[in-house]
Amino acid sequence: MHLLPHTSLSVFPLCLGTNVFGWTADAGESFAVLSAYRDAGGNFIDTADMYSEWADGHVGGESETIIGRYVATQGCRDELVIATKVAKLSSRKGLSPDNIVAAAEDSLRRLRTDYIDLYYAHEDDPSVPVADCLGAYQSLIDAGKVRYVGASNFTAERLAESLHIAAAENLPRYVAAQNQYSLLARDAYEGALAECCAQHELSMFPYWALASGFLTGKYRGGARVDSPRAEGMERFADLSQAPKVLAAIETIAQAQGTSMAAVALAWCATHPTIPSVIASARNVPQLNALLPMAEIQLSAEDKRQLDVASSPKA
């Protein structure tokens, strides 16, 4: 477990992403994944109010609803760190103070809980003054409905501005960030954003750390995979460094007797600002391929090989 700076939250190195719950994983499969994750020592669950609004016939809240049912039936709320998000659900769009509070109430109801451990702005909303947004979070914190707040998909500049205003006006500070980061998307985080997180002791929890599954190796050679994510894999396969990255991951995975997915996730976790990496699983076998990332240790040479292979300039 890793204790997050500026919080009392301790989290497992693998954060269970749940965007598939109620979409490609039905309630039974989702319950099985949650139980297997907890049995392995996991405690950190990531969701959002808009999961899975994109699916036909869905309105959002499907993932939160399944998590809420599971937690209620298992009586395990106190064992878990639950993160959810506001701003991208079409019926609760943006970060106006009224919307933040209303969306939080909706999420609390679906999650069947009295409090949210980590509440993210799912995306920035420049139309709302930062102080107004943080003030809404303050009201939720004061009411005991939210413990800590985070920012997802913010630029380094906007994140730094929010932290400055929080300090200047004695408002809640973001303690976490969530952005894309993987061996095939290093520029999405490395640089100004990583420097901002390091400077202000923010925990980064990267999503798409497996490049939508591409880094598991199952899409190599144009292999046909029964997954709604299979379309669009060309955007990764066409990257010049993709073959070198897959080869390096496979070599290390074979040497360690583990999965390619676990190696790719473990590489993300070598970044000093990343205490936990988000990945989702629609069934227990998929989860079992992810879990070893919490145990394996990449050597300095392993990391060097992956760094070199993943550099677009290599």
C-alpha atoms as a PDB file:
ATOM      1  CA  MET A   1       0.000   0.000   0.000  1.00  0.00           C
ATOM      2  CA  HIS A   2       1.093   3.570  -0.710  1.00  0.00           C
ATOM      3  CA  LEU A   3       0.105   6.497   1.519  1.00  0.00           C
ATOM      4  CA  LEU A   4      -0.807   9.448  -0.673  1.00  0.00           C
ATOM      5  CA  PRO A   5       0.790  12.799   0.231  1.00  0.00           C
ATOM      6  CA  HIS A   6      -1.540  15.334   1.895  1.00  0.00           C
ATOM      7  CA  THR A   7      -4.115  12.608   2.651  1.00  0.00           C
ATOM      8  CA  SER A   8      -4.823   9.719   4.977  1.00  0.00           C
ATOM      9  CA  LEU A   9      -5.509   7.426   2.003  1.00  0.00           C
ATOM     10  CA  SER A  10      -3.410   4.309   1.432  1.00  0.00           C
ATOM     11  CA  VAL A  11      -3.912   2.621  -1.937  1.00  0.00           C
ATOM     12  CA  PHE A  12      -2.966  -0.619  -3.689  1.00  0.00           C
ATOM     13  CA  PRO A  13      -0.452  -0.310  -6.591  1.00  0.00           C
ATOM     14  CA  LEU A  14      -3.124  -1.441  -9.081  1.00  0.00           C
ATOM     15  CA  CYS A  15      -6.164   0.828  -9.199  1.00  0.00           C
ATOM     16  CA  LEU A  16      -9.143  -1.069 -10.591  1.00  0.00           C
ATOM     17  CA  GLY A  17     -10.697   0.855 -13.464  1.00  0.00           C
ATOM     18  CA  THR A  18     -14.408   0.152 -13.798  1.00  0.00           C
ATOM     19  CA  ASN A  19     -15.433   1.798 -17.070  1.00  0.00           C
ATOM     20  CA  VAL A  20     -16.289  -1.709 -18.332  1.00  0.00           C
ATOM     21  CA  PHE A  21     -18.778  -2.393 -15.521  1.00  0.00           C
ATOM     22  CA  GLY A  22     -22.279  -2.409 -16.937  1.00  0.00           C
ATOM     23  CA  TRP A  23     -20.849  -2.210 -20.463  1.00  0.00           C
ATOM     24  CA  THR A  24     -18.705  -5.183 -21.503  1.00  0.00           C
ATOM     25  CA  ALA A  25     -18.940  -6.733 -18.025  1.00  0.00           C
ATOM     26  CA  ASP A  26     -22.389  -7.480 -16.657  1.00  0.00           C
ATOM     27  CA  ALA A  27     -23.183  -7.308 -12.949  1.00  0.00           C
ATOM     28  CA  GLY A  28     -22.144 -10.898 -12.273  1.00  0.00           C
ATOM     29  CA  GLU A  29     -18.804 -10.523 -14.040  1.00  0.00           C
ATOM     30  CA  SER A  30     -18.207  -7.170 -12.346  1.00  0.00           C
ATOM     31  CA  PHE A  31     -18.923  -8.652  -8.913  1.00  0.00           C
ATOM     32  CA  ALA A  32     -16.477 -11.487  -9.616  1.00  0.00           C
ATOM     33  CA  VAL A  33     -13.750  -9.042 -10.667  1.00  0.00           C
ATOM     34  CA  LEU A  34     -14.315  -6.899  -7.575  1.00  0.00           C
ATOM     35  CA  SER A  35     -14.132  -9.922  -5.273  1.00  0.00           C
ATOM     36  CA  ALA A  36     -10.973 -11.258  -6.931  1.00  0.00           C
ATOM     37  CA  TYR A  37      -9.385  -7.823  -6.722  1.00  0.00           C
ATOM     38  CA  ARG A  38     -10.174  -7.539  -3.018  1.00  0.00           C
ATOM     39  CA  ASP A  39      -8.940 -11.084  -2.396  1.00  0.00           C
ATOM     40  CA  ALA A  40      -5.596 -10.035  -3.901  1.00  0.00           C
ATOM     41  CA  GLY A  41      -5.348  -7.125  -1.481  1.00  0.00           C
ATOM     42  CA  GLY A  42      -6.763  -4.436  -3.750  1.00  0.00           C
ATOM     43  CA  ASN A  43      -8.673  -1.519  -2.285  1.00  0.00           C
ATOM     44  CA  PHE A  44      -8.644   1.305  -4.880  1.00  0.00           C
ATOM     45  CA  ILE A  45     -11.599   1.603  -7.277  1.00  0.00           C
ATOM     46  CA  ASP A  46     -11.894   4.223 -10.003  1.00  0.00           C
ATOM     47  CA  THR A  47     -15.177   5.126 -11.675  1.00  0.00           C
ATOM     48  CA  ALA A  48     -17.044   8.175 -13.057  1.00  0.00           C
ATOM     49  CA  ASP A  49     -20.617   9.353 -13.321  1.00  0.00           C
ATOM     50  CA  MET A  50     -20.487   9.148 -17.135  1.00  0.00           C
ATOM     51  CA  TYR A  51     -19.483   5.443 -17.278  1.00  0.00           C
ATOM     52  CA  SER A  52     -20.943   4.046 -19.582  1.00  0.00           C
ATOM     53  CA  GLU A  53     -23.061   6.706 -21.254  1.00  0.00           C
ATOM     54  CA  TRP A  54     -21.394   5.972 -24.611  1.00  0.00           C
ATOM     55  CA  ALA A  55     -23.037   2.539 -24.924  1.00  0.00           C
ATOM     56  CA  ASP A  56     -26.350   2.145 -26.735  1.00  0.00           C
ATOM     57  CA  GLY A  57     -29.262   2.637 -24.380  1.00  0.00           C
ATOM     58  CA  HIS A  58     -27.087   3.797 -21.479  1.00  0.00           C
ATOM     59  CA  VAL A  59     -27.502   7.091 -19.648  1.00  0.00           C
ATOM     60  CA  GLY A  60     -24.414   7.074 -17.433  1.00  0.00           C
ATOM     61  CA  GLY A  61     -24.087   5.892 -13.863  1.00  0.00           C
ATOM     62  CA  GLU A  62     -24.089   2.206 -14.814  1.00  0.00           C
ATOM     63  CA  SER A  63     -20.643   1.568 -13.343  1.00  0.00           C
ATOM     64  CA  GLU A  64     -21.356   3.442 -10.109  1.00  0.00           C
ATOM     65  CA  THR A  65     -24.624   1.555  -9.705  1.00  0.00           C
ATOM     66  CA  ILE A  66     -22.915  -1.837  -9.953  1.00  0.00           C
ATOM     67  CA  ILE A  67     -20.206  -0.790  -7.502  1.00  0.00           C
ATOM     68  CA  GLY A  68     -22.864   0.473  -5.112  1.00  0.00           C
ATOM     69  CA  ARG A  69     -24.753  -2.814  -5.257  1.00  0.00           C
ATOM     70  CA  TYR A  70     -21.566  -4.783  -4.681  1.00  0.00           C
ATOM     71  CA  VAL A  71     -20.421  -2.689  -1.730  1.00  0.00           C
ATOM     72  CA  ALA A  72     -23.877  -2.843  -0.147  1.00  0.00           C
ATOM     73  CA  THR A  73     -24.133  -6.624  -0.448  1.00  0.00           C
ATOM     74  CA  GLN A  74     -20.575  -7.227   0.766  1.00  0.00           C
ATOM     75  CA  GLY A  75     -20.568  -4.618   3.527  1.00  0.00           C
ATOM     76  CA  CYS A  76     -17.035  -3.604   2.577  1.00  0.00           C
ATOM     77  CA  ARG A  77     -17.245   0.185   2.209  1.00  0.00           C
ATOM     78  CA  ASP A  78     -14.709   0.944   4.923  1.00  0.00           C
ATOM     79  CA  GLU A  79     -12.142  -1.311   3.231  1.00  0.00           C
ATOM     80  CA  LEU A  80     -12.224   0.613  -0.046  1.00  0.00           C
ATOM     81  CA  VAL A  81     -10.935   3.865  -1.495  1.00  0.00           C
ATOM     82  CA  ILE A  82     -13.529   4.895  -4.074  1.00  0.00           C
ATOM     83  CA  ALA A  83     -12.818   7.597  -6.647  1.00  0.00           C
ATOM     84  CA  THR A  84     -15.404   9.024  -9.007  1.00  0.00           C
ATOM     85  CA  LYS A  85     -15.664  12.053 -11.273  1.00  0.00           C
ATOM     86  CA  VAL A  86     -17.842  14.954 -12.405  1.00  0.00           C
ATOM     87  CA  ALA A  87     -18.040  17.128 -15.543  1.00  0.00           C
ATOM     88  CA  LYS A  88     -18.387  14.832 -18.576  1.00  0.00           C
ATOM     89  CA  LEU A  89     -21.816  13.236 -18.148  1.00  0.00           C
ATOM     90  CA  SER A  90     -24.063  14.990 -20.678  1.00  0.00           C
ATOM     91  CA  SER A  91     -26.848  15.520 -18.127  1.00  0.00           C
ATOM     92  CA  ARG A  92     -24.366  16.849 -15.522  1.00  0.00           C
ATOM     93  CA  LYS A  93     -21.920  18.683 -17.757  1.00  0.00           C
ATOM     94  CA  GLY A  94     -19.260  21.063 -16.474  1.00  0.00           C
ATOM     95  CA  LEU A  95     -17.927  22.333 -13.165  1.00  0.00           C
ATOM     96  CA  SER A  96     -20.409  24.976 -12.079  1.00  0.00           C
ATOM     97  CA  PRO A  97     -20.828  24.857  -8.289  1.00  0.00           C
ATOM     98  CA  ASP A  98     -24.455  23.766  -8.485  1.00  0.00           C
ATOM     99  CA  ASN A  99     -23.585  21.007 -10.932  1.00  0.00           C
ATOM    100  CA  ILE A 100     -20.700  19.713  -8.830  1.00  0.00           C
ATOM    101  CA  VAL A 101     -22.914  19.424  -5.761  1.00  0.00           C
ATOM    102  CA  ALA A 102     -25.826  17.860  -7.661  1.00  0.00           C
ATOM    103  CA  ALA A 103     -23.551  15.380  -9.446  1.00  0.00           C
ATOM    104  CA  ALA A 104     -21.952  14.395  -6.149  1.00  0.00           C
ATOM    105  CA  GLU A 105     -25.367  13.690  -4.669  1.00  0.00           C
ATOM    106  CA  ASP A 106     -26.223  11.547  -7.711  1.00  0.00           C
ATOM    107  CA  SER A 107     -22.970   9.599  -7.378  1.00  0.00           C
ATOM    108  CA  LEU A 108     -23.444   9.090  -3.643  1.00  0.00           C
ATOM    109  CA  ARG A 109     -26.892   7.678  -4.270  1.00  0.00           C
ATOM    110  CA  ARG A 110     -25.712   5.293  -6.999  1.00  0.00           C
ATOM    111  CA  LEU A 111     -22.668   4.213  -4.980  1.00  0.00           C
ATOM    112  CA  ARG A 112     -24.851   3.703  -1.894  1.00  0.00           C
ATOM    113  CA  THR A 113     -22.359   5.483   0.293  1.00  0.00           C
ATOM    114  CA  ASP A 114     -22.227   8.533   2.515  1.00  0.00           C
ATOM    115  CA  TYR A 115     -18.881   9.750   1.216  1.00  0.00           C
ATOM    116  CA  ILE A 116     -16.568   9.755  -1.803  1.00  0.00           C
ATOM    117  CA  ASP A 117     -12.901   9.284  -0.971  1.00  0.00           C
ATOM    118  CA  LEU A 118     -11.507  11.045  -4.036  1.00  0.00           C
ATOM    119  CA  TYR A 119     -13.674  13.256  -6.225  1.00  0.00           C
ATOM    120  CA  TYR A 120     -12.171  14.331  -9.555  1.00  0.00           C
ATOM    121  CA  ALA A 121     -13.010  17.045 -11.989  1.00  0.00           C
ATOM    122  CA  HIS A 122     -13.164  14.726 -15.017  1.00  0.00           C
ATOM    123  CA  GLU A 123     -12.067  17.546 -17.287  1.00  0.00           C
ATOM    124  CA  ASP A 124     -11.293  21.222 -16.973  1.00  0.00           C
ATOM    125  CA  ASP A 125     -14.031  23.817 -17.374  1.00  0.00           C
ATOM    126  CA  PRO A 126     -12.456  27.209 -18.142  1.00  0.00           C
ATOM    127  CA  SER A 127     -15.888  28.875 -18.095  1.00  0.00           C
ATOM    128  CA  VAL A 128     -16.042  28.521 -14.300  1.00  0.00           C
ATOM    129  CA  PRO A 129     -13.751  30.543 -12.015  1.00  0.00           C
ATOM    130  CA  VAL A 130     -11.382  28.192 -10.231  1.00  0.00           C
ATOM    131  CA  ALA A 131     -12.312  29.572  -6.820  1.00  0.00           C
ATOM    132  CA  ASP A 132     -16.000  28.846  -7.478  1.00  0.00           C
ATOM    133  CA  CYS A 133     -15.225  25.244  -8.386  1.00  0.00           C
ATOM    134  CA  LEU A 134     -13.018  24.744  -5.323  1.00  0.00           C
ATOM    135  CA  GLY A 135     -15.643  26.406  -3.155  1.00  0.00           C
ATOM    136  CA  ALA A 136     -18.167  23.778  -4.217  1.00  0.00           C
ATOM    137  CA  TYR A 137     -15.722  21.076  -3.223  1.00  0.00           C
ATOM    138  CA  GLN A 138     -15.296  22.837   0.127  1.00  0.00           C
ATOM    139  CA  SER A 139     -19.028  22.618   0.772  1.00  0.00           C
ATOM    140  CA  LEU A 140     -18.998  18.887   0.039  1.00  0.00           C
ATOM    141  CA  ILE A 141     -15.957  18.343   2.261  1.00  0.00           C
ATOM    142  CA  ASP A 142     -17.536  20.349   5.076  1.00  0.00           C
ATOM    143  CA  ALA A 143     -20.644  18.171   4.787  1.00  0.00           C
ATOM    144  CA  GLY A 144     -18.538  15.009   5.032  1.00  0.00           C
ATOM    145  CA  LYS A 145     -19.596  13.888   1.551  1.00  0.00           C
ATOM    146  CA  VAL A 146     -16.155  14.160  -0.088  1.00  0.00           C
ATOM    147  CA  ARG A 147     -12.780  13.549   1.545  1.00  0.00           C
ATOM    148  CA  TYR A 148     -10.288  14.756  -1.102  1.00  0.00           C
ATOM    149  CA  VAL A 149     -10.388  16.195  -4.621  1.00  0.00           C
ATOM    150  CA  GLY A 150      -8.425  15.606  -7.796  1.00  0.00           C
ATOM    151  CA  ALA A 151      -8.121  16.854 -11.370  1.00  0.00           C
ATOM    152  CA  SER A 152      -8.310  14.711 -14.491  1.00  0.00           C
ATOM    153  CA  ASN A 153      -7.194  15.797 -17.968  1.00  0.00           C
ATOM    154  CA  PHE A 154      -5.916  19.179 -16.791  1.00  0.00           C
ATOM    155  CA  THR A 155      -2.930  20.863 -18.398  1.00  0.00           C
ATOM    156  CA  ALA A 156       0.083  21.629 -16.235  1.00  0.00           C
ATOM    157  CA  GLU A 157      -0.724  25.333 -16.407  1.00  0.00           C
ATOM    158  CA  ARG A 158      -4.311  24.956 -15.254  1.00  0.00           C
ATOM    159  CA  LEU A 159      -3.348  22.493 -12.557  1.00  0.00           C
ATOM    160  CA  ALA A 160      -0.697  24.875 -11.207  1.00  0.00           C
ATOM    161  CA  GLU A 161      -3.172  27.769 -11.325  1.00  0.00           C
ATOM    162  CA  SER A 162      -5.728  25.788  -9.328  1.00  0.00           C
ATOM    163  CA  LEU A 163      -3.145  24.863  -6.707  1.00  0.00           C
ATOM    164  CA  HIS A 164      -2.054  28.495  -6.414  1.00  0.00           C
ATOM    165  CA  ILE A 165      -5.625  29.733  -5.930  1.00  0.00           C
ATOM    166  CA  ALA A 166      -6.351  26.985  -3.401  1.00  0.00           C
ATOM    167  CA  ALA A 167      -3.354  28.053  -1.326  1.00  0.00           C
ATOM    168  CA  ALA A 168      -4.046  31.780  -1.655  1.00  0.00           C
ATOM    169  CA  GLU A 169      -7.740  31.537  -0.751  1.00  0.00           C
ATOM    170  CA  ASN A 170      -7.572  28.660   1.743  1.00  0.00           C
ATOM    171  CA  LEU A 171      -9.657  26.360  -0.457  1.00  0.00           C
ATOM    172  CA  PRO A 172      -9.312  22.598  -1.003  1.00  0.00           C
ATOM    173  CA  ARG A 173      -6.180  21.660  -2.949  1.00  0.00           C
ATOM    174  CA  TYR A 174      -6.081  18.900  -5.508  1.00  0.00           C
ATOM    175  CA  VAL A 175      -4.187  15.920  -4.089  1.00  0.00           C
ATOM    176  CA  ALA A 176      -4.284  13.785  -7.224  1.00  0.00           C
ATOM    177  CA  ALA A 177      -4.281  14.004 -10.993  1.00  0.00           C
ATOM    178  CA  GLN A 178      -5.345  11.592 -13.685  1.00  0.00           C
ATOM    179  CA  ASN A 179      -4.063  11.775 -17.258  1.00  0.00           C
ATOM    180  CA  GLN A 180      -3.101   9.430 -20.047  1.00  0.00           C
ATOM    181  CA  TYR A 181       0.353   7.843 -19.724  1.00  0.00           C
ATOM    182  CA  SER A 182       1.903   4.698 -21.141  1.00  0.00           C
ATOM    183  CA  LEU A 183       4.974   3.402 -22.925  1.00  0.00           C
ATOM    184  CA  LEU A 184       3.326   4.600 -26.139  1.00  0.00           C
ATOM    185  CA  ALA A 185       2.137   7.971 -24.799  1.00  0.00           C
ATOM    186  CA  ARG A 186       5.014   9.303 -22.727  1.00  0.00           C
ATOM    187  CA  ASP A 187       4.691  12.888 -23.915  1.00  0.00           C
ATOM    188  CA  ALA A 188       1.184  13.015 -22.436  1.00  0.00           C
ATOM    189  CA  TYR A 189       2.696  13.230 -18.958  1.00  0.00           C
ATOM    190  CA  GLU A 190       6.464  13.580 -18.960  1.00  0.00           C
ATOM    191  CA  GLY A 191       7.560  17.192 -18.918  1.00  0.00           C
ATOM    192  CA  ALA A 192       5.621  20.093 -17.451  1.00  0.00           C
ATOM    193  CA  LEU A 193       2.747  18.032 -16.044  1.00  0.00           C
ATOM    194  CA  ALA A 194       5.024  15.563 -14.268  1.00  0.00           C
ATOM    195  CA  GLU A 195       7.119  18.445 -12.955  1.00  0.00           C
ATOM    196  CA  CYS A 196       3.992  20.131 -11.584  1.00  0.00           C
ATOM    197  CA  CYS A 197       2.915  16.944  -9.804  1.00  0.00           C
ATOM    198  CA  ALA A 198       6.387  16.444  -8.348  1.00  0.00           C
ATOM    199  CA  GLN A 199       6.697  20.054  -7.201  1.00  0.00           C
ATOM    200  CA  HIS A 200       3.320  20.076  -5.459  1.00  0.00           C
ATOM    201  CA  GLU A 201       3.366  16.437  -4.257  1.00  0.00           C
ATOM    202  CA  LEU A 202       0.346  15.384  -6.292  1.00  0.00           C
ATOM    203  CA  SER A 203      -0.234  11.704  -6.909  1.00  0.00           C
ATOM    204  CA  MET A 204      -0.696  10.859 -10.588  1.00  0.00           C
ATOM    205  CA  PHE A 205      -2.916   7.896 -11.437  1.00  0.00           C
ATOM    206  CA  PRO A 206      -2.482   7.289 -15.167  1.00  0.00           C
ATOM    207  CA  TYR A 207      -5.225   5.852 -17.358  1.00  0.00           C
ATOM    208  CA  TRP A 208      -4.781   4.025 -20.687  1.00  0.00           C
ATOM    209  CA  ALA A 209      -1.562   2.673 -19.193  1.00  0.00           C
ATOM    210  CA  LEU A 210      -1.951  -0.367 -21.464  1.00  0.00           C
ATOM    211  CA  ALA A 211      -2.697   1.797 -24.523  1.00  0.00           C
ATOM    212  CA  SER A 212      -6.289   0.506 -24.610  1.00  0.00           C
ATOM    213  CA  GLY A 213      -4.965  -3.065 -24.361  1.00  0.00           C
ATOM    214  CA  PHE A 214      -2.398  -2.816 -27.141  1.00  0.00           C
ATOM    215  CA  LEU A 215       0.503  -3.347 -24.720  1.00  0.00           C
ATOM    216  CA  THR A 216      -0.868  -6.722 -23.639  1.00  0.00           C
ATOM    217  CA  GLY A 217       0.464  -8.005 -26.962  1.00  0.00           C
ATOM    218  CA  LYS A 218      -2.817  -9.507 -28.065  1.00  0.00           C
ATOM    219  CA  TYR A 219      -3.210  -7.147 -31.031  1.00  0.00           C
ATOM    220  CA  ARG A 220       0.165  -7.873 -32.632  1.00  0.00           C
ATOM    221  CA  GLY A 221       0.223  -8.709 -36.298  1.00  0.00           C
ATOM    222  CA  GLY A 222      -3.271  -7.360 -36.779  1.00  0.00           C
ATOM    223  CA  ALA A 223      -4.749 -10.212 -34.731  1.00  0.00           C
ATOM    224  CA  ARG A 224      -8.540 -10.127 -34.491  1.00  0.00           C
ATOM    225  CA  VAL A 225      -9.659  -9.755 -30.887  1.00  0.00           C
ATOM    226  CA  ASP A 226     -13.213  -9.956 -29.579  1.00  0.00           C
ATOM    227  CA  SER A 227     -13.227  -6.582 -27.846  1.00  0.00           C
ATOM    228  CA  PRO A 228     -15.040  -3.285 -28.430  1.00  0.00           C
ATOM    229  CA  ARG A 229     -11.617  -1.666 -28.131  1.00  0.00           C
ATOM    230  CA  ALA A 230     -10.185  -3.606 -31.071  1.00  0.00           C
ATOM    231  CA  GLU A 231     -11.165  -0.892 -33.501  1.00  0.00           C
ATOM    232  CA  GLY A 232      -8.637   1.892 -33.673  1.00  0.00           C
ATOM    233  CA  MET A 233      -5.632  -0.164 -32.607  1.00  0.00           C
ATOM    234  CA  GLU A 234      -3.887   1.105 -35.729  1.00  0.00           C
ATOM    235  CA  ARG A 235      -3.131   4.352 -33.903  1.00  0.00           C
ATOM    236  CA  PHE A 236      -0.751   2.394 -31.688  1.00  0.00           C
ATOM    237  CA  ALA A 237       0.426  -0.200 -34.176  1.00  0.00           C
ATOM    238  CA  ASP A 238       1.455   2.547 -36.603  1.00  0.00           C
ATOM    239  CA  LEU A 239       3.781   4.214 -34.100  1.00  0.00           C
ATOM    240  CA  SER A 240       7.402   3.665 -35.077  1.00  0.00           C
ATOM    241  CA  GLN A 241       8.357   2.553 -31.580  1.00  0.00           C
ATOM    242  CA  ALA A 242       5.465   0.083 -31.140  1.00  0.00           C
ATOM    243  CA  PRO A 243       7.287  -3.082 -32.339  1.00  0.00           C
ATOM    244  CA  LYS A 244      10.319  -2.276 -30.184  1.00  0.00           C
ATOM    245  CA  VAL A 245       8.158  -1.625 -27.138  1.00  0.00           C
ATOM    246  CA  LEU A 246       6.249  -4.898 -27.525  1.00  0.00           C
ATOM    247  CA  ALA A 247       9.481  -6.832 -28.018  1.00  0.00           C
ATOM    248  CA  ALA A 248      11.060  -5.307 -24.912  1.00  0.00           C
ATOM    249  CA  ILE A 249       7.957  -5.945 -22.803  1.00  0.00           C
ATOM    250  CA  GLU A 250       7.775  -9.552 -23.975  1.00  0.00           C
ATOM    251  CA  THR A 251      11.453 -10.218 -23.226  1.00  0.00           C
ATOM    252  CA  ILE A 252      11.128  -8.881 -19.682  1.00  0.00           C
ATOM    253  CA  ALA A 253       7.818 -10.662 -19.087  1.00  0.00           C
ATOM    254  CA  GLN A 254       9.302 -13.997 -20.142  1.00  0.00           C
ATOM    255  CA  ALA A 255      12.354 -13.479 -17.940  1.00  0.00           C
ATOM    256  CA  GLN A 256      10.144 -12.686 -14.933  1.00  0.00           C
ATOM    257  CA  GLY A 257       7.539 -15.342 -15.682  1.00  0.00           C
ATOM    258  CA  THR A 258       4.754 -12.798 -15.762  1.00  0.00           C
ATOM    259  CA  SER A 259       2.354 -11.141 -18.208  1.00  0.00           C
ATOM    260  CA  MET A 260       3.162  -8.392 -20.670  1.00  0.00           C
ATOM    261  CA  ALA A 261       0.372  -6.334 -19.119  1.00  0.00           C
ATOM    262  CA  ALA A 262       1.994  -6.521 -15.694  1.00  0.00           C
ATOM    263  CA  VAL A 263       5.333  -5.332 -17.084  1.00  0.00           C
ATOM    264  CA  ALA A 264       3.760  -2.387 -18.910  1.00  0.00           C
ATOM    265  CA  LEU A 265       1.899  -1.315 -15.772  1.00  0.00           C
ATOM    266  CA  ALA A 266       4.954  -1.797 -13.563  1.00  0.00           C
ATOM    267  CA  TRP A 267       6.941   0.491 -15.851  1.00  0.00           C
ATOM    268  CA  CYS A 268       4.421   3.301 -15.255  1.00  0.00           C
ATOM    269  CA  ALA A 269       4.728   2.734 -11.516  1.00  0.00           C
ATOM    270  CA  THR A 270       8.483   3.369 -11.640  1.00  0.00           C
ATOM    271  CA  HIS A 271       7.721   7.082 -12.053  1.00  0.00           C
ATOM    272  CA  PRO A 272       8.153   8.669  -8.612  1.00  0.00           C
ATOM    273  CA  THR A 273       4.845  10.555  -8.783  1.00  0.00           C
ATOM    274  CA  ILE A 274       2.776   7.445  -9.605  1.00  0.00           C
ATOM    275  CA  PRO A 275       1.732   5.371  -6.560  1.00  0.00           C
ATOM    276  CA  SER A 276      -0.970   3.407  -8.382  1.00  0.00           C
ATOM    277  CA  VAL A 277      -1.819   2.678 -12.027  1.00  0.00           C
ATOM    278  CA  ILE A 278      -5.363   2.349 -13.390  1.00  0.00           C
ATOM    279  CA  ALA A 279      -6.332  -0.677 -15.470  1.00  0.00           C
ATOM    280  CA  SER A 280      -9.654  -2.366 -16.074  1.00  0.00           C
ATOM    281  CA  ALA A 281     -10.680  -5.996 -16.465  1.00  0.00           C
ATOM    282  CA  ARG A 282     -13.979  -7.351 -17.699  1.00  0.00           C
ATOM    283  CA  ASN A 283     -13.410 -10.808 -16.210  1.00  0.00           C
ATOM    284  CA  VAL A 284     -11.224 -12.537 -13.635  1.00  0.00           C
ATOM    285  CA  PRO A 285      -8.689 -13.998 -16.126  1.00  0.00           C
ATOM    286  CA  GLN A 286      -8.017 -10.478 -17.426  1.00  0.00           C
ATOM    287  CA  LEU A 287      -7.607  -9.232 -13.856  1.00  0.00           C
ATOM    288  CA  ASN A 288      -5.185 -12.063 -13.080  1.00  0.00           C
ATOM    289  CA  ALA A 289      -2.913 -10.815 -15.877  1.00  0.00           C
ATOM    290  CA  LEU A 290      -2.808  -7.372 -14.263  1.00  0.00           C
ATOM    291  CA  LEU A 291      -2.337  -8.213 -10.598  1.00  0.00           C
ATOM    292  CA  PRO A 292       1.353  -9.267 -10.760  1.00  0.00           C
ATOM    293  CA  MET A 293       2.286  -5.633 -11.422  1.00  0.00           C
ATOM    294  CA  ALA A 294       1.895  -5.070  -7.676  1.00  0.00           C
ATOM    295  CA  GLU A 295       4.641  -7.601  -6.918  1.00  0.00           C
ATOM    296  CA  ILE A 296       7.193  -7.590  -9.718  1.00  0.00           C
ATOM    297  CA  GLN A 297      10.298  -5.450  -9.533  1.00  0.00           C
ATOM    298  CA  LEU A 298      11.792  -4.021 -12.694  1.00  0.00           C
ATOM    299  CA  SER A 299      15.559  -3.772 -12.568  1.00  0.00           C
ATOM    300  CA  ALA A 300      17.405  -0.653 -13.657  1.00  0.00           C
ATOM    301  CA  GLU A 301      18.310  -2.513 -16.850  1.00  0.00           C
ATOM    302  CA  ASP A 302      14.674  -3.500 -17.449  1.00  0.00           C
ATOM    303  CA  LYS A 303      13.617   0.124 -17.103  1.00  0.00           C
ATOM    304  CA  ARG A 304      16.427   1.293 -19.374  1.00  0.00           C
ATOM    305  CA  GLN A 305      15.390  -1.150 -22.088  1.00  0.00           C
ATOM    306  CA  LEU A 306      11.783   0.007 -21.900  1.00  0.00           C
ATOM    307  CA  ASP A 307      12.768   3.669 -21.829  1.00  0.00           C
ATOM    308  CA  VAL A 308      14.929   3.266 -24.917  1.00  0.00           C
ATOM    309  CA  ALA A 309      12.387   1.180 -26.823  1.00  0.00           C
ATOM    310  CA  SER A 310       9.576   3.628 -26.086  1.00  0.00           C
ATOM    311  CA  SER A 311      11.434   6.749 -27.125  1.00  0.00           C
ATOM    312  CA  PRO A 312      10.045   8.049 -30.436  1.00  0.00           C
ATOM    313  CA  LYS A 313      13.562   9.239 -31.247  1.00  0.00           C
ATOM    314  CA  ALA A 314      15.181   5.831 -30.775  1.00  0.00           C
END
